[in-house]
Amino acid sequence: MKAKQIMDKYWDLNIPVNPVQIAQAVGIKVISESNLGYIAITTADSIRYSNRESLMRQRFAVAHALGNIILGNCSTE
Protein backbone atom coordinates (compact mmCIF):
# COMPACT_ATOMS: atom_id res chain seq x y z
CA MET A 1 0.00 0.00 0.00
CA LYS A 2 2.83 2.43 0.83
CA ALA A 3 4.50 1.80 -2.54
CA LYS A 4 1.29 2.65 -4.40
CA GLN A 5 0.87 5.84 -2.38
CA ILE A 6 4.44 6.92 -3.15
CA MET A 7 4.04 6.12 -6.85
CA ASP A 8 0.68 7.91 -7.06
CA LYS A 9 2.14 11.01 -5.44
CA TYR A 10 5.63 11.21 -7.00
CA TRP A 11 5.79 9.22 -10.26
CA ASP A 12 5.66 11.43 -13.36
CA LEU A 13 4.26 8.50 -15.45
CA ASN A 14 7.39 8.35 -17.62
CA ILE A 15 8.80 4.94 -18.52
CA PRO A 16 11.21 3.66 -17.41
CA VAL A 17 10.45 4.71 -13.85
CA ASN A 18 13.19 6.91 -12.41
CA PRO A 19 13.60 5.77 -8.78
CA VAL A 20 16.30 8.39 -8.14
CA GLN A 21 13.83 11.16 -8.97
CA ILE A 22 11.16 9.57 -6.77
CA ALA A 23 13.56 9.09 -3.85
CA GLN A 24 14.69 12.70 -4.09
CA ALA A 25 11.07 13.90 -4.22
CA VAL A 26 10.42 11.98 -0.99
CA GLY A 27 13.40 13.79 0.57
CA ILE A 28 16.01 11.06 0.40
CA LYS A 29 19.56 11.99 -0.60
CA VAL A 30 20.74 9.82 -3.52
CA ILE A 31 24.45 9.54 -4.30
CA SER A 32 25.98 7.82 -7.32
CA GLU A 33 29.49 6.46 -6.69
CA SER A 34 32.02 4.76 -8.94
CA ASN A 35 34.09 3.13 -6.20
CA LEU A 36 31.34 1.65 -4.04
CA GLY A 37 32.05 -1.95 -3.03
CA TYR A 38 28.33 -2.83 -2.94
CA ILE A 39 25.53 -2.14 -5.39
CA ALA A 40 23.80 0.04 -2.78
CA ILE A 41 24.16 1.21 0.80
CA THR A 42 21.05 2.54 2.49
CA THR A 43 20.45 4.55 5.64
CA ALA A 44 17.19 6.09 6.88
CA ASP A 45 17.74 9.24 4.80
CA SER A 46 20.16 8.33 2.02
CA ILE A 47 20.92 5.88 -0.75
CA ARG A 48 24.43 5.43 -2.15
CA TYR A 49 24.62 3.23 -5.24
CA SER A 50 27.27 2.00 -7.65
CA ASN A 51 27.20 3.64 -11.07
CA ARG A 52 29.46 0.89 -12.41
CA GLU A 53 26.47 -1.45 -12.77
CA SER A 54 24.10 -1.53 -15.76
CA LEU A 55 21.40 1.15 -15.78
CA MET A 56 18.73 -1.50 -15.18
CA ARG A 57 20.59 -2.81 -12.14
CA GLN A 58 21.13 0.75 -10.86
CA ARG A 59 17.39 1.48 -11.12
CA PHE A 60 16.57 -1.78 -9.35
CA ALA A 61 19.09 -1.09 -6.56
CA VAL A 62 17.75 2.42 -5.92
CA ALA A 63 14.12 1.25 -6.07
CA HIS A 64 14.88 -1.61 -3.69
CA ALA A 65 16.71 0.70 -1.29
CA LEU A 66 13.83 3.20 -1.47
CA GLY A 67 11.41 0.42 -0.55
CA ASN A 68 13.56 -0.49 2.44
CA ILE A 69 13.56 3.12 3.63
CA ILE A 70 9.80 3.52 3.16
CA LEU A 71 9.14 0.28 5.06
CA GLY A 72 11.66 1.16 7.79
CA ASN A 73 13.96 -1.76 6.97
CA CYS A 74 17.32 0.03 7.07
CA SER A 75 19.88 1.30 9.54
CA THR A 76 19.71 4.76 11.04
CA GLU A 77 23.37 5.66 10.40
C-alpha atoms as a PDB file:
ATOM      1  CA  MET A   1       0.000   0.000   0.000  1.00  0.00           C
ATOM      2  CA  LYS A   2       2.827   2.426   0.831  1.00  0.00           C
ATOM      3  CA  ALA A   3       4.501   1.798  -2.537  1.00  0.00           C
ATOM      4  CA  LYS A   4       1.290   2.653  -4.403  1.00  0.00           C
ATOM      5  CA  GLN A   5       0.866   5.838  -2.376  1.00  0.00           C
ATOM      6  CA  ILE A   6       4.437   6.919  -3.150  1.00  0.00           C
ATOM      7  CA  MET A   7       4.040   6.123  -6.847  1.00  0.00           C
ATOM      8  CA  ASP A   8       0.681   7.913  -7.062  1.00  0.00           C
ATOM      9  CA  LYS A   9       2.143  11.014  -5.444  1.00  0.00           C
ATOM     10  CA  TYR A  10       5.627  11.213  -7.002  1.00  0.00           C
ATOM     11  CA  TRP A  11       5.788   9.221 -10.262  1.00  0.00           C
ATOM     12  CA  ASP A  12       5.660  11.428 -13.363  1.00  0.00           C
ATOM     13  CA  LEU A  13       4.259   8.504 -15.449  1.00  0.00           C
ATOM     14  CA  ASN A  14       7.388   8.348 -17.616  1.00  0.00           C
ATOM     15  CA  ILE A  15       8.796   4.935 -18.520  1.00  0.00           C
ATOM     16  CA  PRO A  16      11.214   3.664 -17.405  1.00  0.00           C
ATOM     17  CA  VAL A  17      10.445   4.712 -13.848  1.00  0.00           C
ATOM     18  CA  ASN A  18      13.190   6.911 -12.415  1.00  0.00           C
ATOM     19  CA  PRO A  19      13.601   5.766  -8.784  1.00  0.00           C
ATOM     20  CA  VAL A  20      16.300   8.390  -8.138  1.00  0.00           C
ATOM     21  CA  GLN A  21      13.833  11.158  -8.975  1.00  0.00           C
ATOM     22  CA  ILE A  22      11.160   9.572  -6.766  1.00  0.00           C
ATOM     23  CA  ALA A  23      13.560   9.091  -3.845  1.00  0.00           C
ATOM     24  CA  GLN A  24      14.694  12.704  -4.088  1.00  0.00           C
ATOM     25  CA  ALA A  25      11.073  13.898  -4.219  1.00  0.00           C
ATOM     26  CA  VAL A  26      10.420  11.978  -0.994  1.00  0.00           C
ATOM     27  CA  GLY A  27      13.400  13.794   0.571  1.00  0.00           C
ATOM     28  CA  ILE A  28      16.014  11.063   0.401  1.00  0.00           C
ATOM     29  CA  LYS A  29      19.562  11.987  -0.600  1.00  0.00           C
ATOM     30  CA  VAL A  30      20.742   9.820  -3.517  1.00  0.00           C
ATOM     31  CA  ILE A  31      24.450   9.543  -4.299  1.00  0.00           C
ATOM     32  CA  SER A  32      25.982   7.822  -7.320  1.00  0.00           C
ATOM     33  CA  GLU A  33      29.492   6.464  -6.692  1.00  0.00           C
ATOM     34  CA  SER A  34      32.021   4.756  -8.939  1.00  0.00           C
ATOM     35  CA  ASN A  35      34.092   3.129  -6.195  1.00  0.00           C
ATOM     36  CA  LEU A  36      31.337   1.648  -4.042  1.00  0.00           C
ATOM     37  CA  GLY A  37      32.046  -1.954  -3.033  1.00  0.00           C
ATOM     38  CA  TYR A  38      28.328  -2.827  -2.936  1.00  0.00           C
ATOM     39  CA  ILE A  39      25.533  -2.140  -5.393  1.00  0.00           C
ATOM     40  CA  ALA A  40      23.800   0.041  -2.785  1.00  0.00           C
ATOM     41  CA  ILE A  41      24.155   1.212   0.796  1.00  0.00           C
ATOM     42  CA  THR A  42      21.052   2.540   2.494  1.00  0.00           C
ATOM     43  CA  THR A  43      20.448   4.548   5.645  1.00  0.00           C
ATOM     44  CA  ALA A  44      17.188   6.087   6.877  1.00  0.00           C
ATOM     45  CA  ASP A  45      17.742   9.235   4.804  1.00  0.00           C
ATOM     46  CA  SER A  46      20.164   8.331   2.021  1.00  0.00           C
ATOM     47  CA  ILE A  47      20.923   5.877  -0.751  1.00  0.00           C
ATOM     48  CA  ARG A  48      24.430   5.426  -2.151  1.00  0.00           C
ATOM     49  CA  TYR A  49      24.622   3.233  -5.244  1.00  0.00           C
ATOM     50  CA  SER A  50      27.265   2.005  -7.653  1.00  0.00           C
ATOM     51  CA  ASN A  51      27.199   3.640 -11.073  1.00  0.00           C
ATOM     52  CA  ARG A  52      29.459   0.890 -12.405  1.00  0.00           C
ATOM     53  CA  GLU A  53      26.469  -1.454 -12.768  1.00  0.00           C
ATOM     54  CA  SER A  54      24.103  -1.534 -15.759  1.00  0.00           C
ATOM     55  CA  LEU A  55      21.400   1.149 -15.782  1.00  0.00           C
ATOM     56  CA  MET A  56      18.731  -1.497 -15.179  1.00  0.00           C
ATOM     57  CA  ARG A  57      20.588  -2.805 -12.142  1.00  0.00           C
ATOM     58  CA  GLN A  58      21.129   0.745 -10.859  1.00  0.00           C
ATOM     59  CA  ARG A  59      17.388   1.478 -11.124  1.00  0.00           C
ATOM     60  CA  PHE A  60      16.574  -1.778  -9.353  1.00  0.00           C
ATOM     61  CA  ALA A  61      19.086  -1.091  -6.561  1.00  0.00           C
ATOM     62  CA  VAL A  62      17.747   2.418  -5.922  1.00  0.00           C
ATOM     63  CA  ALA A  63      14.117   1.254  -6.068  1.00  0.00           C
ATOM     64  CA  HIS A  64      14.882  -1.613  -3.690  1.00  0.00           C
ATOM     65  CA  ALA A  65      16.707   0.704  -1.292  1.00  0.00           C
ATOM     66  CA  LEU A  66      13.832   3.204  -1.471  1.00  0.00           C
ATOM     67  CA  GLY A  67      11.410   0.421  -0.555  1.00  0.00           C
ATOM     68  CA  ASN A  68      13.565  -0.486   2.439  1.00  0.00           C
ATOM     69  CA  ILE A  69      13.557   3.120   3.625  1.00  0.00           C
ATOM     70  CA  ILE A  70       9.798   3.517   3.163  1.00  0.00           C
ATOM     71  CA  LEU A  71       9.143   0.284   5.064  1.00  0.00           C
ATOM     72  CA  GLY A  72      11.664   1.163   7.794  1.00  0.00           C
ATOM     73  CA  ASN A  73      13.965  -1.763   6.973  1.00  0.00           C
ATOM     74  CA  CYS A  74      17.315   0.028   7.074  1.00  0.00           C
ATOM     75  CA  SER A  75      19.878   1.296   9.540  1.00  0.00           C
ATOM     76  CA  THR A  76      19.707   4.759  11.041  1.00  0.00           C
ATOM     77  CA  GLU A  77      23.366   5.662  10.399  1.00  0.00           C
END
